[in-house]
Amino acid sequence: TWGGGSVYYASYADSGKGRFTIFRDNAKNTMSLQMNNLKP
């Protein structure tokens, strides 16, 4: 959400295991998605 207050993930993102992580840098106007243990 705006300002980074809340984060939401799809169930397959396995966020609790660190598979997908979303983050934003408000100073640089960028958002990123780190994806680990990728699957076909």
PDB file of all heavy atoms in Angstrom:
ATOM      1  N   THR A   1       0.823  -1.201   0.000  1.00  0.00           N
ATOM      2  CA  THR A   1       0.000   0.000   0.000  1.00  0.00           C
ATOM      3  C   THR A   1       0.864   1.262   0.000  1.00  0.00           C
ATOM      4  O   THR A   1       2.069   1.190   0.240  1.00  0.00           O
ATOM      5  CB  THR A   1      -0.919   0.011   1.221  1.00  0.00           C
ATOM      6  OG1 THR A   1      -0.120  -0.069   2.402  1.00  0.00           O
ATOM      7  CG2 THR A   1      -1.896  -1.144   1.167  1.00  0.00           C
ATOM      8  N   TRP A   2       0.218   2.384  -0.286  1.00  0.00           N
ATOM      9  CA  TRP A   2       0.946   3.642  -0.335  1.00  0.00           C
ATOM     10  C   TRP A   2       1.659   3.847   0.989  1.00  0.00           C
ATOM     11  O   TRP A   2       1.135   3.537   2.044  1.00  0.00           O
ATOM     12  CB  TRP A   2       0.007   4.802  -0.644  1.00  0.00           C
ATOM     13  CG  TRP A   2      -1.006   5.073   0.419  1.00  0.00           C
ATOM     14  CD1 TRP A   2      -2.235   4.509   0.541  1.00  0.00           C
ATOM     15  CD2 TRP A   2      -0.879   5.962   1.530  1.00  0.00           C
ATOM     16  NE1 TRP A   2      -2.880   4.998   1.644  1.00  0.00           N
ATOM     17  CE2 TRP A   2      -2.068   5.881   2.262  1.00  0.00           C
ATOM     18  CE3 TRP A   2       0.126   6.836   1.952  1.00  0.00           C
ATOM     19  CZ2 TRP A   2      -2.280   6.653   3.410  1.00  0.00           C
ATOM     20  CZ3 TRP A   2      -0.086   7.597   3.101  1.00  0.00           C
ATOM     21  CH2 TRP A   2      -1.279   7.493   3.795  1.00  0.00           C
ATOM     22  N   GLY A   3       2.890   4.302   0.891  1.00  0.00           N
ATOM     23  CA  GLY A   3       3.702   4.487   2.082  1.00  0.00           C
ATOM     24  C   GLY A   3       4.269   3.197   2.633  1.00  0.00           C
ATOM     25  O   GLY A   3       5.044   3.227   3.582  1.00  0.00           O
ATOM     26  N   GLY A   4       3.880   2.048   2.059  1.00  0.00           N
ATOM     27  CA  GLY A   4       4.421   0.770   2.518  1.00  0.00           C
ATOM     28  C   GLY A   4       3.819   0.257   3.803  1.00  0.00           C
ATOM     29  O   GLY A   4       4.391  -0.598   4.469  1.00  0.00           O
ATOM     30  N   GLY A   5       2.625   0.730   4.167  1.00  0.00           N
ATOM     31  CA  GLY A   5       2.046   0.351   5.435  1.00  0.00           C
ATOM     32  C   GLY A   5       1.588  -1.084   5.527  1.00  0.00           C
ATOM     33  O   GLY A   5       1.647  -1.698   6.587  1.00  0.00           O
ATOM     34  N   SER A   6       1.091  -1.643   4.430  1.00  0.00           N
ATOM     35  CA  SER A   6       0.582  -3.011   4.439  1.00  0.00           C
ATOM     36  C   SER A   6       1.098  -3.753   3.224  1.00  0.00           C
ATOM     37  O   SER A   6       1.271  -3.176   2.159  1.00  0.00           O
ATOM     38  CB  SER A   6      -0.950  -3.016   4.426  1.00  0.00           C
ATOM     39  OG  SER A   6      -1.460  -2.386   5.571  1.00  0.00           O
ATOM     40  N   VAL A   7       1.315  -5.055   3.406  1.00  0.00           N
ATOM     41  CA  VAL A   7       1.853  -5.903   2.340  1.00  0.00           C
ATOM     42  C   VAL A   7       0.911  -7.080   2.143  1.00  0.00           C
ATOM     43  O   VAL A   7       0.389  -7.649   3.119  1.00  0.00           O
ATOM     44  CB  VAL A   7       3.263  -6.419   2.698  1.00  0.00           C
ATOM     45  CG1 VAL A   7       3.843  -7.228   1.550  1.00  0.00           C
ATOM     46  CG2 VAL A   7       4.181  -5.255   3.042  1.00  0.00           C
ATOM     47  N   TYR A   8       0.711  -7.448   0.896  1.00  0.00           N
ATOM     48  CA  TYR A   8      -0.176  -8.562   0.553  1.00  0.00           C
ATOM     49  C   TYR A   8       0.544  -9.483  -0.428  1.00  0.00           C
ATOM     50  O   TYR A   8       1.261  -9.012  -1.313  1.00  0.00           O
ATOM     51  CB  TYR A   8      -1.460  -8.049  -0.102  1.00  0.00           C
ATOM     52  CG  TYR A   8      -2.239  -7.077   0.744  1.00  0.00           C
ATOM     53  CD1 TYR A   8      -1.907  -5.742   0.791  1.00  0.00           C
ATOM     54  CD2 TYR A   8      -3.325  -7.513   1.515  1.00  0.00           C
ATOM     55  CE1 TYR A   8      -2.607  -4.844   1.563  1.00  0.00           C
ATOM     56  CE2 TYR A   8      -4.035  -6.626   2.290  1.00  0.00           C
ATOM     57  CZ  TYR A   8      -3.674  -5.290   2.308  1.00  0.00           C
ATOM     58  OH  TYR A   8      -4.380  -4.409   3.089  1.00  0.00           O
ATOM     59  N   TYR A   9       0.312 -10.789  -0.265  1.00  0.00           N
ATOM     60  CA  TYR A   9       0.904 -11.772  -1.171  1.00  0.00           C
ATOM     61  C   TYR A   9      -0.138 -12.800  -1.584  1.00  0.00           C
ATOM     62  O   TYR A   9      -1.020 -13.165  -0.810  1.00  0.00           O
ATOM     63  CB  TYR A   9       2.054 -12.524  -0.489  1.00  0.00           C
ATOM     64  CG  TYR A   9       3.280 -11.702  -0.228  1.00  0.00           C
ATOM     65  CD1 TYR A   9       3.495 -11.125   1.025  1.00  0.00           C
ATOM     66  CD2 TYR A   9       4.229 -11.511  -1.211  1.00  0.00           C
ATOM     67  CE1 TYR A   9       4.630 -10.376   1.275  1.00  0.00           C
ATOM     68  CE2 TYR A   9       5.374 -10.761  -0.970  1.00  0.00           C
ATOM     69  CZ  TYR A   9       5.564 -10.201   0.269  1.00  0.00           C
ATOM     70  OH  TYR A   9       6.695  -9.455   0.514  1.00  0.00           O
ATOM     71  N   ALA A  10       0.030 -13.302  -2.807  1.00  0.00           N
ATOM     72  CA  ALA A  10      -0.740 -14.464  -3.226  1.00  0.00           C
ATOM     73  C   ALA A  10      -0.238 -15.677  -2.452  1.00  0.00           C
ATOM     74  O   ALA A  10       0.922 -15.722  -2.049  1.00  0.00           O
ATOM     75  CB  ALA A  10      -0.568 -14.695  -4.723  1.00  0.00           C
ATOM     76  N   SER A  11      -1.097 -16.647  -2.285  1.00  0.00           N
ATOM     77  CA  SER A  11      -0.720 -17.805  -1.476  1.00  0.00           C
ATOM     78  C   SER A  11       0.479 -18.552  -2.050  1.00  0.00           C
ATOM     79  O   SER A  11       1.334 -19.041  -1.306  1.00  0.00           O
ATOM     80  CB  SER A  11      -1.907 -18.770  -1.342  1.00  0.00           C
ATOM     81  OG  SER A  11      -2.329 -19.177  -2.637  1.00  0.00           O
ATOM     82  N   TYR A  12       0.613 -18.572  -3.374  1.00  0.00           N
ATOM     83  CA  TYR A  12       1.705 -19.331  -3.986  1.00  0.00           C
ATOM     84  C   TYR A  12       3.045 -18.625  -3.805  1.00  0.00           C
ATOM     85  O   TYR A  12       4.093 -19.207  -4.076  1.00  0.00           O
ATOM     86  CB  TYR A  12       1.445 -19.571  -5.477  1.00  0.00           C
ATOM     87  CG  TYR A  12       1.305 -18.307  -6.280  1.00  0.00           C
ATOM     88  CD1 TYR A  12       2.419 -17.570  -6.648  1.00  0.00           C
ATOM     89  CD2 TYR A  12       0.055 -17.843  -6.647  1.00  0.00           C
ATOM     90  CE1 TYR A  12       2.301 -16.401  -7.370  1.00  0.00           C
ATOM     91  CE2 TYR A  12      -0.081 -16.673  -7.365  1.00  0.00           C
ATOM     92  CZ  TYR A  12       1.036 -15.956  -7.726  1.00  0.00           C
ATOM     93  OH  TYR A  12       0.910 -14.812  -8.422  1.00  0.00           O
ATOM     94  N   ALA A  13       3.017 -17.353  -3.368  1.00  0.00           N
ATOM     95  CA  ALA A  13       4.253 -16.603  -3.208  1.00  0.00           C
ATOM     96  C   ALA A  13       5.067 -17.060  -2.004  1.00  0.00           C
ATOM     97  O   ALA A  13       6.240 -16.716  -1.881  1.00  0.00           O
ATOM     98  CB  ALA A  13       3.939 -15.115  -3.086  1.00  0.00           C
ATOM     99  N   ASP A  14       4.420 -17.845  -1.125  1.00  0.00           N
ATOM    100  CA  ASP A  14       5.130 -18.412   0.036  1.00  0.00           C
ATOM    101  C   ASP A  14       5.966 -17.345   0.751  1.00  0.00           C
ATOM    102  O   ASP A  14       7.144 -17.570   1.064  1.00  0.00           O
ATOM    103  CB  ASP A  14       6.051 -19.555  -0.386  1.00  0.00           C
ATOM    104  CG  ASP A  14       5.276 -20.769  -0.877  1.00  0.00           C
ATOM    105  OD1 ASP A  14       4.117 -20.923  -0.456  1.00  0.00           O
ATOM    106  OD2 ASP A  14       5.831 -21.538  -1.664  1.00  0.00           O
ATOM    107  N   SER A  15       5.336 -16.224   1.011  1.00  0.00           N
ATOM    108  CA  SER A  15       6.085 -15.112   1.587  1.00  0.00           C
ATOM    109  C   SER A  15       6.704 -15.477   2.925  1.00  0.00           C
ATOM    110  O   SER A  15       7.782 -14.990   3.286  1.00  0.00           O
ATOM    111  CB  SER A  15       5.175 -13.895   1.747  1.00  0.00           C
ATOM    112  OG  SER A  15       4.104 -14.198   2.617  1.00  0.00           O
ATOM    113  N   GLY A  16       6.033 -16.363   3.683  1.00  0.00           N
ATOM    114  CA  GLY A  16       6.567 -16.752   4.976  1.00  0.00           C
ATOM    115  C   GLY A  16       7.884 -17.495   4.857  1.00  0.00           C
ATOM    116  O   GLY A  16       8.680 -17.531   5.797  1.00  0.00           O
ATOM    117  N   LYS A  17       8.131 -18.095   3.680  1.00  0.00           N
ATOM    118  CA  LYS A  17       9.372 -18.827   3.445  1.00  0.00           C
ATOM    119  C   LYS A  17      10.348 -17.978   2.663  1.00  0.00           C
ATOM    120  O   LYS A  17      11.392 -18.470   2.231  1.00  0.00           O
ATOM    121  CB  LYS A  17       9.076 -20.120   2.676  1.00  0.00           C
ATOM    122  CG  LYS A  17       8.131 -21.056   3.417  1.00  0.00           C
ATOM    123  CD  LYS A  17       7.833 -22.314   2.588  1.00  0.00           C
ATOM    124  CE  LYS A  17       6.839 -23.196   3.304  1.00  0.00           C
ATOM    125  NZ  LYS A  17       6.481 -24.391   2.491  1.00  0.00           N
ATOM    126  N   GLY A  18       9.974 -16.716   2.428  1.00  0.00           N
ATOM    127  CA  GLY A  18      10.879 -15.824   1.727  1.00  0.00           C
ATOM    128  C   GLY A  18      10.980 -16.096   0.247  1.00  0.00           C
ATOM    129  O   GLY A  18      11.952 -15.682  -0.380  1.00  0.00           O
ATOM    130  N   ARG A  19       9.972 -16.751  -0.319  1.00  0.00           N
ATOM    131  CA  ARG A  19      10.100 -17.076  -1.736  1.00  0.00           C
ATOM    132  C   ARG A  19       9.922 -15.804  -2.577  1.00  0.00           C
ATOM    133  O   ARG A  19      10.720 -15.532  -3.444  1.00  0.00           O
ATOM    134  CB  ARG A  19       9.086 -18.144  -2.158  1.00  0.00           C
ATOM    135  CG  ARG A  19       9.511 -18.865  -3.419  1.00  0.00           C
ATOM    136  CD  ARG A  19       8.692 -20.118  -3.626  1.00  0.00           C
ATOM    137  NE  ARG A  19       7.469 -19.862  -4.351  1.00  0.00           N
ATOM    138  CZ  ARG A  19       7.393 -19.769  -5.686  1.00  0.00           C
ATOM    139  NH1 ARG A  19       8.481 -19.881  -6.428  1.00  0.00           N
ATOM    140  NH2 ARG A  19       6.229 -19.568  -6.284  1.00  0.00           N
ATOM    141  N   PHE A  20       8.860 -15.039  -2.316  1.00  0.00           N
ATOM    142  CA  PHE A  20       8.667 -13.765  -2.990  1.00  0.00           C
ATOM    143  C   PHE A  20       8.639 -12.653  -1.933  1.00  0.00           C
ATOM    144  O   PHE A  20       7.975 -12.805  -0.905  1.00  0.00           O
ATOM    145  CB  PHE A  20       7.344 -13.730  -3.758  1.00  0.00           C
ATOM    146  CG  PHE A  20       7.310 -14.516  -5.043  1.00  0.00           C
ATOM    147  CD1 PHE A  20       8.301 -15.419  -5.360  1.00  0.00           C
ATOM    148  CD2 PHE A  20       6.263 -14.333  -5.931  1.00  0.00           C
ATOM    149  CE1 PHE A  20       8.257 -16.143  -6.544  1.00  0.00           C
ATOM    150  CE2 PHE A  20       6.206 -15.050  -7.124  1.00  0.00           C
ATOM    151  CZ  PHE A  20       7.194 -15.956  -7.426  1.00  0.00           C
ATOM    152  N   THR A  21       9.313 -11.559  -2.218  1.00  0.00           N
ATOM    153  CA  THR A  21       9.300 -10.405  -1.339  1.00  0.00           C
ATOM    154  C   THR A  21       9.143  -9.141  -2.164  1.00  0.00           C
ATOM    155  O   THR A  21       9.909  -8.914  -3.095  1.00  0.00           O
ATOM    156  CB  THR A  21      10.595 -10.310  -0.510  1.00  0.00           C
ATOM    157  OG1 THR A  21      10.796 -11.525   0.215  1.00  0.00           O
ATOM    158  CG2 THR A  21      10.511  -9.155   0.478  1.00  0.00           C
ATOM    159  N   ILE A  22       8.144  -8.339  -1.806  1.00  0.00           N
ATOM    160  CA  ILE A  22       7.922  -7.067  -2.489  1.00  0.00           C
ATOM    161  C   ILE A  22       8.429  -5.944  -1.603  1.00  0.00           C
ATOM    162  O   ILE A  22       8.247  -5.980  -0.380  1.00  0.00           O
ATOM    163  CB  ILE A  22       6.422  -6.873  -2.835  1.00  0.00           C
ATOM    164  CG1 ILE A  22       6.207  -5.630  -3.668  1.00  0.00           C
ATOM    165  CG2 ILE A  22       5.568  -6.842  -1.570  1.00  0.00           C
ATOM    166  CD1 ILE A  22       4.772  -5.488  -4.190  1.00  0.00           C
ATOM    167  N   PHE A  23       9.050  -4.957  -2.202  1.00  0.00           N
ATOM    168  CA  PHE A  23       9.485  -3.810  -1.419  1.00  0.00           C
ATOM    169  C   PHE A  23       9.564  -2.589  -2.338  1.00  0.00           C
ATOM    170  O   PHE A  23       9.597  -2.710  -3.566  1.00  0.00           O
ATOM    171  CB  PHE A  23      10.823  -4.068  -0.717  1.00  0.00           C
ATOM    172  CG  PHE A  23      11.943  -4.529  -1.610  1.00  0.00           C
ATOM    173  CD1 PHE A  23      12.890  -3.634  -2.083  1.00  0.00           C
ATOM    174  CD2 PHE A  23      12.078  -5.872  -1.950  1.00  0.00           C
ATOM    175  CE1 PHE A  23      13.931  -4.060  -2.885  1.00  0.00           C
ATOM    176  CE2 PHE A  23      13.119  -6.306  -2.765  1.00  0.00           C
ATOM    177  CZ  PHE A  23      14.046  -5.393  -3.221  1.00  0.00           C
ATOM    178  N   ARG A  24       9.556  -1.427  -1.711  1.00  0.00           N
ATOM    179  CA  ARG A  24       9.581  -0.186  -2.467  1.00  0.00           C
ATOM    180  C   ARG A  24      10.597   0.764  -1.864  1.00  0.00           C
ATOM    181  O   ARG A  24      10.860   0.728  -0.658  1.00  0.00           O
ATOM    182  CB  ARG A  24       8.198   0.453  -2.532  1.00  0.00           C
ATOM    183  CG  ARG A  24       7.630   0.874  -1.188  1.00  0.00           C
ATOM    184  CD  ARG A  24       6.132   1.208  -1.296  1.00  0.00           C
ATOM    185  NE  ARG A  24       5.875   2.406  -2.069  1.00  0.00           N
ATOM    186  CZ  ARG A  24       4.661   2.752  -2.530  1.00  0.00           C
ATOM    187  NH1 ARG A  24       3.624   1.981  -2.272  1.00  0.00           N
ATOM    188  NH2 ARG A  24       4.499   3.879  -3.207  1.00  0.00           N
ATOM    189  N   ASP A  25      11.121   1.615  -2.717  1.00  0.00           N
ATOM    190  CA  ASP A  25      12.040   2.673  -2.281  1.00  0.00           C
ATOM    191  C   ASP A  25      11.399   3.992  -2.667  1.00  0.00           C
ATOM    192  O   ASP A  25      11.459   4.402  -3.830  1.00  0.00           O
ATOM    193  CB  ASP A  25      13.406   2.492  -2.957  1.00  0.00           C
ATOM    194  CG  ASP A  25      14.445   3.472  -2.436  1.00  0.00           C
ATOM    195  OD1 ASP A  25      14.059   4.561  -1.947  1.00  0.00           O
ATOM    196  OD2 ASP A  25      15.638   3.169  -2.530  1.00  0.00           O
ATOM    197  N   ASN A  26      10.771   4.639  -1.694  1.00  0.00           N
ATOM    198  CA  ASN A  26      10.041   5.867  -1.990  1.00  0.00           C
ATOM    199  C   ASN A  26      10.960   7.014  -2.387  1.00  0.00           C
ATOM    200  O   ASN A  26      10.540   7.945  -3.066  1.00  0.00           O
ATOM    201  CB  ASN A  26       9.186   6.261  -0.785  1.00  0.00           C
ATOM    202  CG  ASN A  26       8.019   5.315  -0.582  1.00  0.00           C
ATOM    203  OD1 ASN A  26       7.507   4.715  -1.525  1.00  0.00           O
ATOM    204  ND2 ASN A  26       7.603   5.162   0.674  1.00  0.00           N
ATOM    205  N   ALA A  27      12.202   6.950  -1.995  1.00  0.00           N
ATOM    206  CA  ALA A  27      13.155   7.994  -2.368  1.00  0.00           C
ATOM    207  C   ALA A  27      13.554   7.889  -3.844  1.00  0.00           C
ATOM    208  O   ALA A  27      13.875   8.887  -4.486  1.00  0.00           O
ATOM    209  CB  ALA A  27      14.391   7.913  -1.483  1.00  0.00           C
ATOM    210  N   LYS A  28      13.518   6.671  -4.371  1.00  0.00           N
ATOM    211  CA  LYS A  28      13.937   6.444  -5.762  1.00  0.00           C
ATOM    212  C   LYS A  28      12.763   6.178  -6.697  1.00  0.00           C
ATOM    213  O   LYS A  28      12.951   5.953  -7.889  1.00  0.00           O
ATOM    214  CB  LYS A  28      14.906   5.260  -5.825  1.00  0.00           C
ATOM    215  CG  LYS A  28      16.209   5.493  -5.090  1.00  0.00           C
ATOM    216  CD  LYS A  28      17.136   4.297  -5.229  1.00  0.00           C
ATOM    217  CE  LYS A  28      18.460   4.555  -4.533  1.00  0.00           C
ATOM    218  NZ  LYS A  28      19.383   3.387  -4.626  1.00  0.00           N
ATOM    219  N   ASN A  29      11.554   6.197  -6.147  1.00  0.00           N
ATOM    220  CA  ASN A  29      10.347   5.924  -6.951  1.00  0.00           C
ATOM    221  C   ASN A  29      10.417   4.570  -7.648  1.00  0.00           C
ATOM    222  O   ASN A  29      10.073   4.433  -8.825  1.00  0.00           O
ATOM    223  CB  ASN A  29      10.134   7.022  -8.004  1.00  0.00           C
ATOM    224  CG  ASN A  29       9.695   8.324  -7.396  1.00  0.00           C
ATOM    225  OD1 ASN A  29       9.511   8.426  -6.177  1.00  0.00           O
ATOM    226  ND2 ASN A  29       9.544   9.342  -8.203  1.00  0.00           N
ATOM    227  N   THR A  30      10.862   3.592  -6.924  1.00  0.00           N
ATOM    228  CA  THR A  30      10.956   2.250  -7.498  1.00  0.00           C
ATOM    229  C   THR A  30      10.307   1.212  -6.586  1.00  0.00           C
ATOM    230  O   THR A  30      10.200   1.396  -5.369  1.00  0.00           O
ATOM    231  CB  THR A  30      12.417   1.842  -7.735  1.00  0.00           C
ATOM    232  OG1 THR A  30      13.120   1.866  -6.486  1.00  0.00           O
ATOM    233  CG2 THR A  30      13.096   2.760  -8.726  1.00  0.00           C
ATOM    234  N   MET A  31       9.878   0.147  -7.205  1.00  0.00           N
ATOM    235  CA  MET A  31       9.335  -1.003  -6.497  1.00  0.00           C
ATOM    236  C   MET A  31      10.031  -2.234  -7.047  1.00  0.00           C
ATOM    237  O   MET A  31      10.390  -2.264  -8.235  1.00  0.00           O
ATOM    238  CB  MET A  31       7.836  -1.127  -6.732  1.00  0.00           C
ATOM    239  CG  MET A  31       7.230  -2.345  -6.079  1.00  0.00           C
ATOM    240  SD  MET A  31       5.500  -2.597  -6.506  1.00  0.00           S
ATOM    241  CE  MET A  31       5.574  -2.912  -8.256  1.00  0.00           C
ATOM    242  N   SER A  32      10.219  -3.221  -6.204  1.00  0.00           N
ATOM    243  CA  SER A  32      10.920  -4.417  -6.649  1.00  0.00           C
ATOM    244  C   SER A  32      10.199  -5.670  -6.156  1.00  0.00           C
ATOM    245  O   SER A  32       9.434  -5.621  -5.191  1.00  0.00           O
ATOM    246  CB  SER A  32      12.359  -4.428  -6.125  1.00  0.00           C
ATOM    247  OG  SER A  32      13.086  -3.312  -6.601  1.00  0.00           O
ATOM    248  N   LEU A  33      10.482  -6.770  -6.836  1.00  0.00           N
ATOM    249  CA  LEU A  33       9.984  -8.075  -6.420  1.00  0.00           C
ATOM    250  C   LEU A  33      11.153  -9.036  -6.442  1.00  0.00           C
ATOM    251  O   LEU A  33      11.690  -9.341  -7.511  1.00  0.00           O
ATOM    252  CB  LEU A  33       8.873  -8.570  -7.354  1.00  0.00           C
ATOM    253  CG  LEU A  33       8.252  -9.914  -6.973  1.00  0.00           C
ATOM    254  CD1 LEU A  33       7.433  -9.774  -5.686  1.00  0.00           C
ATOM    255  CD2 LEU A  33       7.379 -10.446  -8.102  1.00  0.00           C
ATOM    256  N   GLN A  34      11.552  -9.477  -5.275  1.00  0.00           N
ATOM    257  CA  GLN A  34      12.606 -10.475  -5.166  1.00  0.00           C
ATOM    258  C   GLN A  34      11.956 -11.848  -5.212  1.00  0.00           C
ATOM    259  O   GLN A  34      11.078 -12.139  -4.389  1.00  0.00           O
ATOM    260  CB  GLN A  34      13.388 -10.306  -3.861  1.00  0.00           C
ATOM    261  CG  GLN A  34      14.448 -11.361  -3.632  1.00  0.00           C
ATOM    262  CD  GLN A  34      15.597 -11.257  -4.627  1.00  0.00           C
ATOM    263  OE1 GLN A  34      16.027 -10.172  -4.982  1.00  0.00           O
ATOM    264  NE2 GLN A  34      16.072 -12.413  -5.079  1.00  0.00           N
ATOM    265  N   MET A  35      12.376 -12.670  -6.139  1.00  0.00           N
ATOM    266  CA  MET A  35      11.797 -13.999  -6.301  1.00  0.00           C
ATOM    267  C   MET A  35      12.894 -15.039  -6.118  1.00  0.00           C
ATOM    268  O   MET A  35      13.888 -15.029  -6.859  1.00  0.00           O
ATOM    269  CB  MET A  35      11.163 -14.139  -7.684  1.00  0.00           C
ATOM    270  CG  MET A  35      10.100 -13.097  -7.962  1.00  0.00           C
ATOM    271  SD  MET A  35       9.210 -13.394  -9.513  1.00  0.00           S
ATOM    272  CE  MET A  35      10.526 -13.127 -10.702  1.00  0.00           C
ATOM    273  N   ASN A  36      12.715 -15.906  -5.143  1.00  0.00           N
ATOM    274  CA  ASN A  36      13.682 -16.966  -4.855  1.00  0.00           C
ATOM    275  C   ASN A  36      13.050 -18.322  -5.113  1.00  0.00           C
ATOM    276  O   ASN A  36      11.827 -18.462  -5.155  1.00  0.00           O
ATOM    277  CB  ASN A  36      14.125 -16.885  -3.390  1.00  0.00           C
ATOM    278  CG  ASN A  36      14.784 -15.563  -3.058  1.00  0.00           C
ATOM    279  OD1 ASN A  36      15.508 -14.980  -3.875  1.00  0.00           O
ATOM    280  ND2 ASN A  36      14.540 -15.067  -1.851  1.00  0.00           N
ATOM    281  N   ASN A  37      13.901 -19.324  -5.279  1.00  0.00           N
ATOM    282  CA  ASN A  37      13.429 -20.691  -5.484  1.00  0.00           C
ATOM    283  C   ASN A  37      12.346 -20.738  -6.574  1.00  0.00           C
ATOM    284  O   ASN A  37      11.257 -21.266  -6.350  1.00  0.00           O
ATOM    285  CB  ASN A  37      12.893 -21.269  -4.173  1.00  0.00           C
ATOM    286  CG  ASN A  37      12.620 -22.756  -4.262  1.00  0.00           C
ATOM    287  OD1 ASN A  37      13.200 -23.463  -5.096  1.00  0.00           O
ATOM    288  ND2 ASN A  37      11.737 -23.235  -3.406  1.00  0.00           N
ATOM    289  N   LEU A  38      12.657 -20.177  -7.696  1.00  0.00           N
ATOM    290  CA  LEU A  38      11.681 -20.112  -8.777  1.00  0.00           C
ATOM    291  C   LEU A  38      11.328 -21.493  -9.299  1.00  0.00           C
ATOM    292  O   LEU A  38      12.166 -22.411  -9.312  1.00  0.00           O
ATOM    293  CB  LEU A  38      12.205 -19.236  -9.905  1.00  0.00           C
ATOM    294  CG  LEU A  38      12.116 -17.734  -9.606  1.00  0.00           C
ATOM    295  CD1 LEU A  38      13.027 -16.945 -10.521  1.00  0.00           C
ATOM    296  CD2 LEU A  38      10.684 -17.256  -9.740  1.00  0.00           C
ATOM    297  N   LYS A  39      10.084 -21.632  -9.730  1.00  0.00           N
ATOM    298  CA  LYS A  39       9.560 -22.891 -10.240  1.00  0.00           C
ATOM    299  C   LYS A  39       9.072 -22.693 -11.667  1.00  0.00           C
ATOM    300  O   LYS A  39       8.719 -21.561 -12.048  1.00  0.00           O
ATOM    301  CB  LYS A  39       8.398 -23.347  -9.355  1.00  0.00           C
ATOM    302  CG  LYS A  39       8.742 -23.440  -7.887  1.00  0.00           C
ATOM    303  CD  LYS A  39       7.517 -23.740  -7.042  1.00  0.00           C
ATOM    304  CE  LYS A  39       7.865 -23.768  -5.562  1.00  0.00           C
ATOM    305  NZ  LYS A  39       6.678 -24.037  -4.716  1.00  0.00           N
ATOM    306  N   PRO A  40       9.010 -23.750 -12.445  1.00  0.00           N
ATOM    307  CA  PRO A  40       8.502 -23.603 -13.821  1.00  0.00           C
ATOM    308  C   PRO A  40       7.111 -22.964 -13.872  1.00  0.00           C
ATOM    309  O   PRO A  40       6.816 -22.223 -14.809  1.00  0.00           O
ATOM    310  CB  PRO A  40       8.483 -25.052 -14.325  1.00  0.00           C
ATOM    311  CG  PRO A  40       9.610 -25.702 -13.591  1.00  0.00           C
ATOM    312  CD  PRO A  40       9.570 -25.093 -12.209  1.00  0.00           C
TER     313      PRO A  40
END
